[in-house]
C-alpha atoms as a PDB file:
ATOM      1  CA  UNK A   1      -3.718  -1.762   1.392  1.00  0.00           C
ATOM      2  CA  UNK A   2      -4.570   1.866  -0.043  1.00  0.00           C
ATOM      3  CA  UNK A   3      -7.047   1.503  -3.120  1.00  0.00           C
ATOM      4  CA  UNK A   4      -7.145   4.240  -5.499  1.00  0.00           C
ATOM      5  CA  UNK A   5      -9.349   3.161  -8.522  1.00  0.00           C
ATOM      6  CA  UNK A   6      -7.511   0.245  -9.129  1.00  0.00           C
ATOM      7  CA  UNK A   7     -10.438  -1.993 -10.573  1.00  0.00           C
ATOM      8  CA  UNK A   8      -8.589  -3.393 -13.261  1.00  0.00           C
ATOM      9  CA  UNK A   9      -5.545  -4.345 -10.870  1.00  0.00           C
ATOM     10  CA  UNK A  10      -7.348  -5.529  -8.202  1.00  0.00           C
ATOM     11  CA  UNK A  11      -8.872  -8.466 -10.947  1.00  0.00           C
ATOM     12  CA  UNK A  12      -5.448  -9.804 -10.259  1.00  0.00           C
ATOM     13  CA  UNK A  13      -4.051  -8.882  -6.114  1.00  0.00           C
ATOM     14  CA  UNK A  14      -7.079  -9.892  -4.429  1.00  0.00           C
ATOM     15  CA  UNK A  15      -6.648 -13.824  -5.135  1.00  0.00           C
ATOM     16  CA  UNK A  16      -3.799 -13.836  -3.822  1.00  0.00           C
ATOM     17  CA  UNK A  17      -4.423 -11.676  -0.943  1.00  0.00           C
ATOM     18  CA  UNK A  18      -7.683 -13.738  -0.065  1.00  0.00           C
ATOM     19  CA  UNK A  19      -5.387 -17.240  -0.784  1.00  0.00           C
ATOM     20  CA  UNK A  20      -3.083 -16.060   2.369  1.00  0.00           C
ATOM     21  CA  UNK A  21      -6.547 -16.723   4.271  1.00  0.00           C
ATOM     22  CA  UNK A  22      -5.382 -13.868   6.588  1.00  0.00           C
ATOM     23  CA  UNK A  23      -7.381 -13.184  10.022  1.00  0.00           C
ATOM     24  CA  UNK A  24      -8.086  -9.312   8.875  1.00  0.00           C
ATOM     25  CA  UNK A  25      -7.984  -7.774   5.395  1.00  0.00           C
ATOM     26  CA  UNK A  26      -7.828  -3.788   5.779  1.00  0.00           C
ATOM     27  CA  UNK A  27      -8.044  -1.942   2.320  1.00  0.00           C
ATOM     28  CA  UNK A  28      -8.562   2.155   2.529  1.00  0.00           C
ATOM     29  CA  UNK A  29     -10.262   3.335  -0.305  1.00  0.00           C
ATOM     30  CA  UNK A  30      -8.492   6.284  -0.827  1.00  0.00           C
ATOM     31  CA  UNK A  31     -11.321   8.721  -2.835  1.00  0.00           C
ATOM     32  CA  UNK A  32     -12.203   5.908  -5.345  1.00  0.00           C
ATOM     33  CA  UNK A  33     -14.267   6.989  -8.095  1.00  0.00           C
ATOM     34  CA  UNK A  34     -14.807   3.354  -9.765  1.00  0.00           C
ATOM     35  CA  UNK A  35     -16.120   0.173  -8.959  1.00  0.00           C
ATOM     36  CA  UNK A  36     -13.164  -0.758  -6.376  1.00  0.00           C
ATOM     37  CA  UNK A  37     -15.374  -1.333  -3.245  1.00  0.00           C
ATOM     38  CA  UNK A  38     -18.083  -3.297  -5.138  1.00  0.00           C
ATOM     39  CA  UNK A  39     -15.265  -5.161  -6.629  1.00  0.00           C
ATOM     40  CA  UNK A  40     -13.953  -6.041  -3.391  1.00  0.00           C
ATOM     41  CA  UNK A  41     -16.625  -6.997  -1.903  1.00  0.00           C
ATOM     42  CA  UNK A  42     -17.396  -9.143  -4.066  1.00  0.00           C
ATOM     43  CA  UNK A  43     -14.622 -11.165  -4.409  1.00  0.00           C
ATOM     44  CA  UNK A  44     -14.017 -11.452  -0.691  1.00  0.00           C
ATOM     45  CA  UNK A  45     -17.902 -13.388  -1.089  1.00  0.00           C
ATOM     46  CA  UNK A  46     -16.317 -15.379  -4.501  1.00  0.00           C
ATOM     47  CA  UNK A  47     -13.187 -16.597  -3.273  1.00  0.00           C
ATOM     48  CA  UNK A  48     -14.686 -17.349   0.034  1.00  0.00           C
ATOM     49  CA  UNK A  49     -12.231 -15.526   2.754  1.00  0.00           C
ATOM     50  CA  UNK A  50     -13.872 -16.379   6.603  1.00  0.00           C
ATOM     51  CA  UNK A  51     -11.937 -13.500   8.060  1.00  0.00           C
ATOM     52  CA  UNK A  52     -12.272  -9.744   8.746  1.00  0.00           C
ATOM     53  CA  UNK A  53     -12.533  -7.210   5.542  1.00  0.00           C
ATOM     54  CA  UNK A  54     -12.094  -3.685   6.971  1.00  0.00           C
ATOM     55  CA  UNK A  55     -12.998  -1.322   4.415  1.00  0.00           C
ATOM     56  CA  UNK A  56     -12.293   2.755   4.836  1.00  0.00           C
ATOM     57  CA  UNK A  57     -13.493   5.252   2.589  1.00  0.00           C
ATOM     58  CA  UNK A  58     -11.072   8.517   2.961  1.00  0.00           C
ATOM     59  CA  UNK A  59     -11.757  11.639   1.742  1.00  0.00           C
ATOM     60  CA  UNK A  60      -9.861  14.088   3.730  1.00  0.00           C
ATOM     61  CA  UNK A  61      -6.700  16.058   2.531  1.00  0.00           C
ATOM     62  CA  UNK A  62      -4.934  15.604   5.936  1.00  0.00           C
ATOM     63  CA  UNK A  63      -2.844  19.225   5.877  1.00  0.00           C
ATOM     64  CA  UNK A  64      -0.531  17.909   8.623  1.00  0.00           C
ATOM     65  CA  UNK A  65       1.070  15.639   6.473  1.00  0.00           C
ATOM     66  CA  UNK A  66       3.015  16.499   3.522  1.00  0.00           C
ATOM     67  CA  UNK A  67       2.411  13.364   1.720  1.00  0.00           C
ATOM     68  CA  UNK A  68      -0.906  12.091   1.950  1.00  0.00           C
ATOM     69  CA  UNK A  69       0.165   8.460   0.622  1.00  0.00           C
ATOM     70  CA  UNK A  70       1.702   8.069   4.559  1.00  0.00           C
ATOM     71  CA  UNK A  71      -0.753   8.772   6.391  1.00  0.00           C
ATOM     72  CA  UNK A  72      -2.908   6.480   4.535  1.00  0.00           C
ATOM     73  CA  UNK A  73      -1.014   3.707   5.167  1.00  0.00           C
ATOM     74  CA  UNK A  74      -0.850   4.611   8.573  1.00  0.00           C
ATOM     75  CA  UNK A  75      -4.552   4.299   9.079  1.00  0.00           C
ATOM     76  CA  UNK A  76      -4.392   1.024   8.047  1.00  0.00           C
ATOM     77  CA  UNK A  77      -1.363  -0.341  10.609  1.00  0.00           C
ATOM     78  CA  UNK A  78      -3.537   1.329  13.365  1.00  0.00           C
ATOM     79  CA  UNK A  79      -6.227  -0.608  12.630  1.00  0.00           C
ATOM     80  CA  UNK A  80      -4.908  -4.048  12.627  1.00  0.00           C
ATOM     81  CA  UNK A  81      -5.594  -5.830  15.577  1.00  0.00           C
ATOM     82  CA  UNK A  82      -2.310  -8.335  15.005  1.00  0.00           C
ATOM     83  CA  UNK A  83       1.774  -7.538  15.934  1.00  0.00           C
ATOM     84  CA  UNK A  84       2.408  -8.899  12.181  1.00  0.00           C
ATOM     85  CA  UNK A  85       1.109  -6.464   9.225  1.00  0.00           C
ATOM     86  CA  UNK A  86       1.791  -7.802   5.857  1.00  0.00           C
ATOM     87  CA  UNK A  87       1.843  -4.033   3.305  1.00  0.00           C
ATOM     88  CA  UNK A  88       1.875  -3.937  -0.331  1.00  0.00           C
ATOM     89  CA  UNK A  89       0.063  -1.792  -3.119  1.00  0.00           C
ATOM     90  CA  UNK A  90      -3.207  -3.044  -5.174  1.00  0.00           C
ATOM     91  CA  UNK A  91      -1.066  -3.774  -8.298  1.00  0.00           C
ATOM     92  CA  UNK A  92       1.416  -6.566  -6.532  1.00  0.00           C
ATOM     93  CA  UNK A  93       0.166  -9.969  -6.898  1.00  0.00           C
ATOM     94  CA  UNK A  94       1.567 -12.132  -3.950  1.00  0.00           C
ATOM     95  CA  UNK A  95       3.353 -15.471  -3.993  1.00  0.00           C
ATOM     96  CA  UNK A  96       1.701 -17.919  -1.336  1.00  0.00           C
ATOM     97  CA  UNK A  97       4.747 -18.284   0.840  1.00  0.00           C
ATOM     98  CA  UNK A  98       4.458 -14.478   2.250  1.00  0.00           C
ATOM     99  CA  UNK A  99       2.673 -16.381   4.900  1.00  0.00           C
ATOM    100  CA  UNK A 100       5.286 -18.537   6.009  1.00  0.00           C
ATOM    101  CA  UNK A 101       7.155 -15.457   7.102  1.00  0.00           C
ATOM    102  CA  UNK A 102       4.519 -14.569   9.477  1.00  0.00           C
ATOM    103  CA  UNK A 103       5.825 -16.852  12.371  1.00  0.00           C
ATOM    104  CA  UNK A 104       9.542 -14.772  11.791  1.00  0.00           C
ATOM    105  CA  UNK A 105       8.725 -12.412  14.495  1.00  0.00           C
ATOM    106  CA  UNK A 106       8.190 -14.664  17.119  1.00  0.00           C
ATOM    107  CA  UNK A 107      10.450 -15.222  19.115  1.00  0.00           C
ATOM    108  CA  UNK A 108      13.279 -13.451  17.107  1.00  0.00           C
ATOM    109  CA  UNK A 109      15.115 -10.004  16.179  1.00  0.00           C
ATOM    110  CA  UNK A 110      13.541  -9.663  13.081  1.00  0.00           C
ATOM    111  CA  UNK A 111      11.143  -7.309  12.897  1.00  0.00           C
ATOM    112  CA  UNK A 112      10.722  -6.527   9.354  1.00  0.00           C
ATOM    113  CA  UNK A 113      10.613  -8.801   6.327  1.00  0.00           C
ATOM    114  CA  UNK A 114      10.812  -7.151   2.648  1.00  0.00           C
ATOM    115  CA  UNK A 115      10.103  -8.968  -0.660  1.00  0.00           C
ATOM    116  CA  UNK A 116      12.358  -9.008  -3.575  1.00  0.00           C
ATOM    117  CA  UNK A 117       9.470  -7.770  -6.741  1.00  0.00           C
ATOM    118  CA  UNK A 118       9.302  -9.561 -10.287  1.00  0.00           C
ATOM    119  CA  UNK A 119       8.662  -6.192 -12.179  1.00  0.00           C
ATOM    120  CA  UNK A 120       5.502  -6.780 -15.309  1.00  0.00           C
ATOM    121  CA  UNK A 121       7.089  -7.082 -17.680  1.00  0.00           C
ATOM    122  CA  UNK A 122      10.362  -7.848 -16.798  1.00  0.00           C
ATOM    123  CA  UNK A 123      12.933  -4.832 -17.549  1.00  0.00           C
ATOM    124  CA  UNK A 124      16.754  -4.589 -17.006  1.00  0.00           C
ATOM    125  CA  UNK A 125      16.223  -2.980 -13.129  1.00  0.00           C
ATOM    126  CA  UNK A 126      14.579  -6.282 -12.049  1.00  0.00           C
ATOM    127  CA  UNK A 127      17.838  -8.840 -12.880  1.00  0.00           C
ATOM    128  CA  UNK A 128      20.274  -6.052 -11.661  1.00  0.00           C
ATOM    129  CA  UNK A 129      18.315  -5.448  -8.083  1.00  0.00           C
ATOM    130  CA  UNK A 130      18.375  -9.193  -7.727  1.00  0.00           C
ATOM    131  CA  UNK A 131      22.546  -9.246  -8.231  1.00  0.00           C
ATOM    132  CA  UNK A 132      22.728  -6.224  -6.559  1.00  0.00           C
ATOM    133  CA  UNK A 133      21.119  -7.999  -3.305  1.00  0.00           C
ATOM    134  CA  UNK A 134      23.166 -10.628  -4.049  1.00  0.00           C
ATOM    135  CA  UNK A 135      26.561  -9.135  -3.670  1.00  0.00           C
ATOM    136  CA  UNK A 136      24.814  -6.773  -0.264  1.00  0.00           C
ATOM    137  CA  UNK A 137      21.533  -8.116   1.199  1.00  0.00           C
ATOM    138  CA  UNK A 138      21.299  -5.432   3.140  1.00  0.00           C
ATOM    139  CA  UNK A 139      20.818  -3.228   0.573  1.00  0.00           C
ATOM    140  CA  UNK A 140      17.390  -5.574  -0.606  1.00  0.00           C
ATOM    141  CA  UNK A 141      14.088  -3.747   0.444  1.00  0.00           C
ATOM    142  CA  UNK A 142      10.920  -3.362  -1.268  1.00  0.00           C
ATOM    143  CA  UNK A 143       7.356  -1.411  -0.128  1.00  0.00           C
ATOM    144  CA  UNK A 144       5.816  -5.090   0.308  1.00  0.00           C
ATOM    145  CA  UNK A 145       6.539  -6.226   3.639  1.00  0.00           C
ATOM    146  CA  UNK A 146       6.161  -7.887   6.430  1.00  0.00           C
ATOM    147  CA  UNK A 147       6.528  -5.715  10.139  1.00  0.00           C
ATOM    148  CA  UNK A 148       5.759  -5.936  13.325  1.00  0.00           C
ATOM    149  CA  UNK A 149       3.256  -3.512  14.760  1.00  0.00           C
ATOM    150  CA  UNK A 150       5.175  -3.412  18.077  1.00  0.00           C
ATOM    151  CA  UNK A 151       8.175  -2.334  16.443  1.00  0.00           C
ATOM    152  CA  UNK A 152       6.823   0.089  14.352  1.00  0.00           C
ATOM    153  CA  UNK A 153       5.402   2.121  17.277  1.00  0.00           C
ATOM    154  CA  UNK A 154       8.100   2.236  19.114  1.00  0.00           C
ATOM    155  CA  UNK A 155      10.598   3.365  16.587  1.00  0.00           C
ATOM    156  CA  UNK A 156       8.796   5.266  14.511  1.00  0.00           C
ATOM    157  CA  UNK A 157       8.885   9.179  14.984  1.00  0.00           C
ATOM    158  CA  UNK A 158       5.195  10.948  14.885  1.00  0.00           C
ATOM    159  CA  UNK A 159       6.170  14.245  13.854  1.00  0.00           C
ATOM    160  CA  UNK A 160       9.038  13.295  11.356  1.00  0.00           C
ATOM    161  CA  UNK A 161       6.950  10.806   9.189  1.00  0.00           C
ATOM    162  CA  UNK A 162       4.444  13.971   8.737  1.00  0.00           C
ATOM    163  CA  UNK A 163       7.157  15.309   6.846  1.00  0.00           C
ATOM    164  CA  UNK A 164       8.391  13.836   4.477  1.00  0.00           C
ATOM    165  CA  UNK A 165       7.738  13.783   0.937  1.00  0.00           C
ATOM    166  CA  UNK A 166       7.852  10.477  -0.585  1.00  0.00           C
ATOM    167  CA  UNK A 167       9.169   6.535   0.489  1.00  0.00           C
ATOM    168  CA  UNK A 168       7.174   6.348   3.179  1.00  0.00           C
ATOM    169  CA  UNK A 169       7.894   2.392   3.669  1.00  0.00           C
ATOM    170  CA  UNK A 170      11.520   3.422   3.517  1.00  0.00           C
ATOM    171  CA  UNK A 171      10.988   5.219   6.511  1.00  0.00           C
ATOM    172  CA  UNK A 172       9.329   2.804   8.265  1.00  0.00           C
ATOM    173  CA  UNK A 173      11.950   0.311   7.214  1.00  0.00           C
ATOM    174  CA  UNK A 174      14.819   2.834   8.686  1.00  0.00           C
ATOM    175  CA  UNK A 175      12.708   2.954  12.116  1.00  0.00           C
ATOM    176  CA  UNK A 176      12.517  -0.385  12.853  1.00  0.00           C
ATOM    177  CA  UNK A 177      16.485  -0.798  11.268  1.00  0.00           C
ATOM    178  CA  UNK A 178      18.100   1.221  14.078  1.00  0.00           C
ATOM    179  CA  UNK A 179      16.709  -1.028  16.346  1.00  0.00           C
ATOM    180  CA  UNK A 180      16.085  -4.530  15.213  1.00  0.00           C
ATOM    181  CA  UNK A 181      17.558  -6.786  13.007  1.00  0.00           C
ATOM    182  CA  UNK A 182      15.671  -6.947   8.863  1.00  0.00           C
ATOM    183  CA  UNK A 183      15.821  -8.980   5.958  1.00  0.00           C
ATOM    184  CA  UNK A 184      15.337  -9.180   2.479  1.00  0.00           C
ATOM    185  CA  UNK A 185      14.214 -12.465   0.095  1.00  0.00           C
ATOM    186  CA  UNK A 186      13.170 -13.066  -2.811  1.00  0.00           C
ATOM    187  CA  UNK A 187       9.773 -14.810  -3.959  1.00  0.00           C
ATOM    188  CA  UNK A 188       7.612 -14.886  -6.678  1.00  0.00           C
ATOM    189  CA  UNK A 189       5.964 -11.735  -6.595  1.00  0.00           C
ATOM    190  CA  UNK A 190       4.962  -9.636  -9.033  1.00  0.00           C
ATOM    191  CA  UNK A 191       4.778  -5.975  -9.088  1.00  0.00           C
ATOM    192  CA  UNK A 192       1.725  -5.269 -12.253  1.00  0.00           C
ATOM    193  CA  UNK A 193       2.559  -1.088 -12.582  1.00  0.00           C
ATOM    194  CA  UNK A 194       6.484  -0.438 -12.452  1.00  0.00           C
ATOM    195  CA  UNK A 195       7.363   3.093 -12.401  1.00  0.00           C
ATOM    196  CA  UNK A 196      10.450   4.761 -14.325  1.00  0.00           C
ATOM    197  CA  UNK A 197       9.201   8.039 -14.936  1.00  0.00           C
ATOM    198  CA  UNK A 198      11.172  11.309 -14.133  1.00  0.00           C
ATOM    199  CA  UNK A 199       9.300  12.999 -11.620  1.00  0.00           C
ATOM    200  CA  UNK A 200       9.168   9.226  -9.776  1.00  0.00           C
ATOM    201  CA  UNK A 201      12.745   9.479 -10.273  1.00  0.00           C
ATOM    202  CA  UNK A 202      13.952  12.575  -9.072  1.00  0.00           C
ATOM    203  CA  UNK A 203      11.366  11.850  -5.760  1.00  0.00           C
ATOM    204  CA  UNK A 204      13.275   8.915  -5.028  1.00  0.00           C
ATOM    205  CA  UNK A 205      16.878  11.278  -5.168  1.00  0.00           C
ATOM    206  CA  UNK A 206      15.038  13.142  -2.697  1.00  0.00           C
ATOM    207  CA  UNK A 207      14.430  10.240  -0.371  1.00  0.00           C
ATOM    208  CA  UNK A 208      17.968   8.854  -0.813  1.00  0.00           C
ATOM    209  CA  UNK A 209      19.097  12.018   0.542  1.00  0.00           C
ATOM    210  CA  UNK A 210      16.462  13.413   2.714  1.00  0.00           C
ATOM    211  CA  UNK A 211      15.273   9.466   4.620  1.00  0.00           C
ATOM    212  CA  UNK A 212      17.420   7.150   3.622  1.00  0.00           C
ATOM    213  CA  UNK A 213      21.103   9.195   4.392  1.00  0.00           C
ATOM    214  CA  UNK A 214      22.928   7.686   1.389  1.00  0.00           C
ATOM    215  CA  UNK A 215      25.765   8.607   0.581  1.00  0.00           C
ATOM    216  CA  UNK A 216      27.143  10.509  -2.579  1.00  0.00           C
ATOM    217  CA  UNK A 217      28.398   7.222  -4.139  1.00  0.00           C
ATOM    218  CA  UNK A 218      26.172   5.230  -3.690  1.00  0.00           C
ATOM    219  CA  UNK A 219      23.440   6.706  -5.329  1.00  0.00           C
ATOM    220  CA  UNK A 220      25.717   7.554  -8.070  1.00  0.00           C
ATOM    221  CA  UNK A 221      25.828   3.813  -8.921  1.00  0.00           C
ATOM    222  CA  UNK A 222      21.930   3.340  -8.478  1.00  0.00           C
ATOM    223  CA  UNK A 223      21.246   6.021 -10.781  1.00  0.00           C
ATOM    224  CA  UNK A 224      23.592   4.165 -13.079  1.00  0.00           C
ATOM    225  CA  UNK A 225      22.289   0.897 -12.745  1.00  0.00           C
ATOM    226  CA  UNK A 226      19.239   1.207 -12.629  1.00  0.00           C
ATOM    227  CA  UNK A 227      19.735   4.145 -15.310  1.00  0.00           C
ATOM    228  CA  UNK A 228      17.821   6.545 -13.495  1.00  0.00           C
ATOM    229  CA  UNK A 229      19.875   9.685 -13.871  1.00  0.00           C
ATOM    230  CA  UNK A 230      17.201  12.206 -12.345  1.00  0.00           C
ATOM    231  CA  UNK A 231      17.675  10.204  -9.105  1.00  0.00           C
ATOM    232  CA  UNK A 232      20.870  11.458  -9.213  1.00  0.00           C
ATOM    233  CA  UNK A 233      19.390  14.937  -9.769  1.00  0.00           C
ATOM    234  CA  UNK A 234      16.560  14.997  -7.149  1.00  0.00           C
ATOM    235  CA  UNK A 235      19.866  13.906  -4.226  1.00  0.00           C
ATOM    236  CA  UNK A 236      21.892  16.502  -5.336  1.00  0.00           C
ATOM    237  CA  UNK A 237      19.373  18.893  -5.220  1.00  0.00           C
ATOM    238  CA  UNK A 238      17.792  17.882  -1.591  1.00  0.00           C
ATOM    239  CA  UNK A 239      21.138  17.401  -0.708  1.00  0.00           C
ATOM    240  CA  UNK A 240      21.677  21.598  -1.517  1.00  0.00           C
ATOM    241  CA  UNK A 241      18.967  22.905   0.017  1.00  0.00           C
ATOM    242  CA  UNK A 242      20.229  21.180   2.970  1.00  0.00           C
ATOM    243  CA  UNK A 243      23.528  23.024   3.183  1.00  0.00           C
ATOM    244  CA  UNK A 244      21.996  25.729   2.860  1.00  0.00           C
ATOM    245  CA  UNK A 245      19.707  25.609   5.891  1.00  0.00           C
ATOM    246  CA  UNK A 246      22.804  24.382   7.871  1.00  0.00           C
ATOM    247  CA  UNK A 247      24.873  27.795   6.571  1.00  0.00           C
END
C-alpha cells in the first residue's frame, strides 16, 4: 500500500487492514511530510498486529518510469514474501471477508480477484457499476484486488509497464487475464476519496485506449453512464495520436 500524507484517511484504513491479520504488511511511504509513519507504527502496536510490518521510505523520481505510482506499487510487490498479495490505497476501508478469497489461488486457474468499491459519499457511479457488472460480470474491476505474485511475474512486460501514463492496476490485471482467469466480487469495501475531476476522467480515457484497448462504443457508453465526458475526449485524443504514429 503506497502512502503519501494520508494521516486522516489512515485513521479509518489501518484498523480494517490490521484486522485481517496478514502475515506481512508492506507500506511504501512516498515523500510523506505528515505523521503517516508515526500513525502506522502506533496503530500497529495499539491494535496488536503480530505479523511483519515493512515500512519503506521513497523519495526518488524514477526517471525511467512515465507513471511514478506504477513503480511505487511494484516496489511493494517485489518485497512480498507470499504468493497472495492484496493491493490497495490508503483511502480504502476493507471488509474482513476479503481474507476468505486468499485461498482462491490454491489449486485454481483464478489468479486475480478484484473487489467492488462503495464510494463515500455514495453516488450514482456506485449504482451504475453494480448494475453493469451484474449484467456483464467480465467488465468488473477495481484497484483493490488480490493477485498471485507468480502469475504477475510470469505475465507482466517489465519494459511496457514503464511507459504507461496511468491505470497501473488495469495494466497488471490485463497482463494476468491473458493467461489466467480473473473474477470480480462485491463486498462492503468503502472508498473514502472518489475522484471525478476532469483530469482524472481524461486520463482514464487515455488508459482505456492505450492499456485496456477498449472499443469506441464501450467507452462512449461508459462516458454516458458515469457522466464522464472527458473520458471520451481522452480516449479519442489517444487513438488519434496512435493513428498518426502508425500512419
